[in-house]
Every structure is written in structure tokens, then in C-alpha cells.
Amino acid sequence: MARIIDGVCNITGERIKEARQKARLSQKALSEKLETQAVYVCRGSVSRIESGERTVTDIEVDAISKALYVSLDYLFGR
């Protein structure tokens, strides 16, 4: 079950969206890149992650950082 604190499910969504747009990838294209790492996140889930509505697991955020060629520190806003 997702843990929700003050209505926010994750703190990385905004940075993920920013990095995805800088990489000129659609949400679907990011979803497909994640699939090559055996991480299955559909396009709708990417949208919900970016908006902060869906939690993102440690495995997912690691795969996203690799797919977008950004550091985990960047995604966590450090």
C-alpha cells in the first residue's frame, strides 16, 4: 500500500519530468526505455509519477535515472 504524506507520494516527479523533457522523450518513450531494463512502468504510471500522484520504488527511480542519464542526486533535488 502506498504511503502518502500530506498528499504527496514522491518527491522526484517534477525532476523526472524535467529530465525527460530535456532528453526530448515522450512518457511512452521513457516507459519503453525502462522496459529494456526489465522495469515495467506504463505511460500512465509515468504521468502519475511525474505529477506526484504515484509512489516510485527505489528500483524504478534508479532505472529512470539511468534511462534519462541523470544522477539520483539530481532526481532527489540535491
C-alpha atoms as a PDB file:
ATOM      1  CA  MET A   1       0.000   0.000   0.000  1.00  0.00           C
ATOM      2  CA  ALA A   2       1.270   3.463  -0.897  1.00  0.00           C
ATOM      3  CA  ARG A   3       2.342   5.725   1.925  1.00  0.00           C
ATOM      4  CA  ILE A   4       1.009   9.203   1.427  1.00  0.00           C
ATOM      5  CA  ILE A   5       2.322  12.136   3.445  1.00  0.00           C
ATOM      6  CA  ASP A   6       0.393  15.376   3.011  1.00  0.00           C
ATOM      7  CA  GLY A   7      -0.981  14.149  -0.327  1.00  0.00           C
ATOM      8  CA  VAL A   8       2.457  13.716  -1.947  1.00  0.00           C
ATOM      9  CA  CYS A   9       3.518  10.220  -2.969  1.00  0.00           C
ATOM     10  CA  ASN A  10       7.002  11.094  -4.166  1.00  0.00           C
ATOM     11  CA  ILE A  11       9.419  13.990  -4.298  1.00  0.00           C
ATOM     12  CA  THR A  12      11.119  13.084  -7.569  1.00  0.00           C
ATOM     13  CA  GLY A  13       8.267  13.561 -10.015  1.00  0.00           C
ATOM     14  CA  GLU A  14       8.975  17.136 -11.002  1.00  0.00           C
ATOM     15  CA  ARG A  15      12.655  16.426 -11.630  1.00  0.00           C
ATOM     16  CA  ILE A  16      11.809  13.266 -13.601  1.00  0.00           C
ATOM     17  CA  LYS A  17       9.508  15.286 -15.854  1.00  0.00           C
ATOM     18  CA  GLU A  18      12.143  17.988 -16.304  1.00  0.00           C
ATOM     19  CA  ALA A  19      14.863  15.464 -17.194  1.00  0.00           C
ATOM     20  CA  ARG A  20      12.530  13.572 -19.547  1.00  0.00           C
ATOM     21  CA  GLN A  21      11.645  16.761 -21.390  1.00  0.00           C
ATOM     22  CA  LYS A  22      15.314  17.801 -21.625  1.00  0.00           C
ATOM     23  CA  ALA A  23      16.029  14.374 -23.126  1.00  0.00           C
ATOM     24  CA  ARG A  24      13.206  15.025 -25.606  1.00  0.00           C
ATOM     25  CA  LEU A  25      11.434  11.809 -24.686  1.00  0.00           C
ATOM     26  CA  SER A  26       7.712  11.272 -24.503  1.00  0.00           C
ATOM     27  CA  GLN A  27       6.273   9.495 -21.495  1.00  0.00           C
ATOM     28  CA  LYS A  28       5.728   6.455 -23.718  1.00  0.00           C
ATOM     29  CA  ALA A  29       9.347   6.532 -24.896  1.00  0.00           C
ATOM     30  CA  LEU A  30      10.562   6.666 -21.282  1.00  0.00           C
ATOM     31  CA  SER A  31       8.281   3.744 -20.457  1.00  0.00           C
ATOM     32  CA  GLU A  32       9.820   1.775 -23.329  1.00  0.00           C
ATOM     33  CA  LYS A  33      13.382   2.618 -22.216  1.00  0.00           C
ATOM     34  CA  LEU A  34      12.551   1.379 -18.712  1.00  0.00           C
ATOM     35  CA  GLU A  35      11.241  -1.862 -20.183  1.00  0.00           C
ATOM     36  CA  THR A  36      14.706  -2.560 -21.646  1.00  0.00           C
ATOM     37  CA  GLN A  37      15.930  -2.600 -18.023  1.00  0.00           C
ATOM     38  CA  ALA A  38      13.125  -5.028 -17.037  1.00  0.00           C
ATOM     39  CA  VAL A  39      11.312  -2.248 -15.171  1.00  0.00           C
ATOM     40  CA  TYR A  40       7.695  -2.165 -16.296  1.00  0.00           C
ATOM     41  CA  VAL A  41       6.085   1.251 -15.818  1.00  0.00           C
ATOM     42  CA  CYS A  42       3.316   2.079 -18.291  1.00  0.00           C
ATOM     43  CA  ARG A  43       2.910   5.535 -19.817  1.00  0.00           C
ATOM     44  CA  GLY A  44       0.037   6.336 -17.469  1.00  0.00           C
ATOM     45  CA  SER A  45       2.173   5.464 -14.475  1.00  0.00           C
ATOM     46  CA  VAL A  46       4.958   7.721 -15.757  1.00  0.00           C
ATOM     47  CA  SER A  47       2.392  10.523 -15.882  1.00  0.00           C
ATOM     48  CA  ARG A  48       1.247   9.833 -12.314  1.00  0.00           C
ATOM     49  CA  ILE A  49       4.861   9.626 -11.077  1.00  0.00           C
ATOM     50  CA  GLU A  50       5.648  12.974 -12.676  1.00  0.00           C
ATOM     51  CA  SER A  51       2.599  14.599 -11.098  1.00  0.00           C
ATOM     52  CA  GLY A  52       3.453  13.141  -7.682  1.00  0.00           C
ATOM     53  CA  GLU A  53       0.263  11.063  -7.552  1.00  0.00           C
ATOM     54  CA  ARG A  54       2.053   7.678  -7.627  1.00  0.00           C
ATOM     55  CA  THR A  55       4.845   6.360  -5.494  1.00  0.00           C
ATOM     56  CA  VAL A  56       8.072   5.434  -7.198  1.00  0.00           C
ATOM     57  CA  THR A  57      10.076   2.486  -5.935  1.00  0.00           C
ATOM     58  CA  ASP A  58      13.808   2.506  -5.415  1.00  0.00           C
ATOM     59  CA  ILE A  59      14.247   0.166  -8.383  1.00  0.00           C
ATOM     60  CA  GLU A  60      12.113   2.431 -10.587  1.00  0.00           C
ATOM     61  CA  VAL A  61      13.873   5.657  -9.646  1.00  0.00           C
ATOM     62  CA  ASP A  62      17.259   4.024 -10.226  1.00  0.00           C
ATOM     63  CA  ALA A  63      16.160   2.798 -13.669  1.00  0.00           C
ATOM     64  CA  ILE A  64      14.685   6.210 -14.502  1.00  0.00           C
ATOM     65  CA  SER A  65      17.962   7.938 -13.616  1.00  0.00           C
ATOM     66  CA  LYS A  66      19.837   5.569 -15.918  1.00  0.00           C
ATOM     67  CA  ALA A  67      17.301   5.932 -18.742  1.00  0.00           C
ATOM     68  CA  LEU A  68      17.478   9.723 -18.545  1.00  0.00           C
ATOM     69  CA  TYR A  69      21.267   9.880 -17.933  1.00  0.00           C
ATOM     70  CA  VAL A  70      20.892  11.886 -14.718  1.00  0.00           C
ATOM     71  CA  SER A  71      22.102  11.173 -11.203  1.00  0.00           C
ATOM     72  CA  LEU A  72      19.923  10.060  -8.332  1.00  0.00           C
ATOM     73  CA  ASP A  73      21.087  13.179  -6.505  1.00  0.00           C
ATOM     74  CA  TYR A  74      19.622  15.273  -9.310  1.00  0.00           C
ATOM     75  CA  LEU A  75      16.266  13.461  -9.136  1.00  0.00           C
ATOM     76  CA  PHE A  76      16.127  13.959  -5.375  1.00  0.00           C
ATOM     77  CA  GLY A  77      16.896  17.650  -5.797  1.00  0.00           C
ATOM     78  CA  ARG A  78      20.334  17.678  -4.224  1.00  0.00           C
END
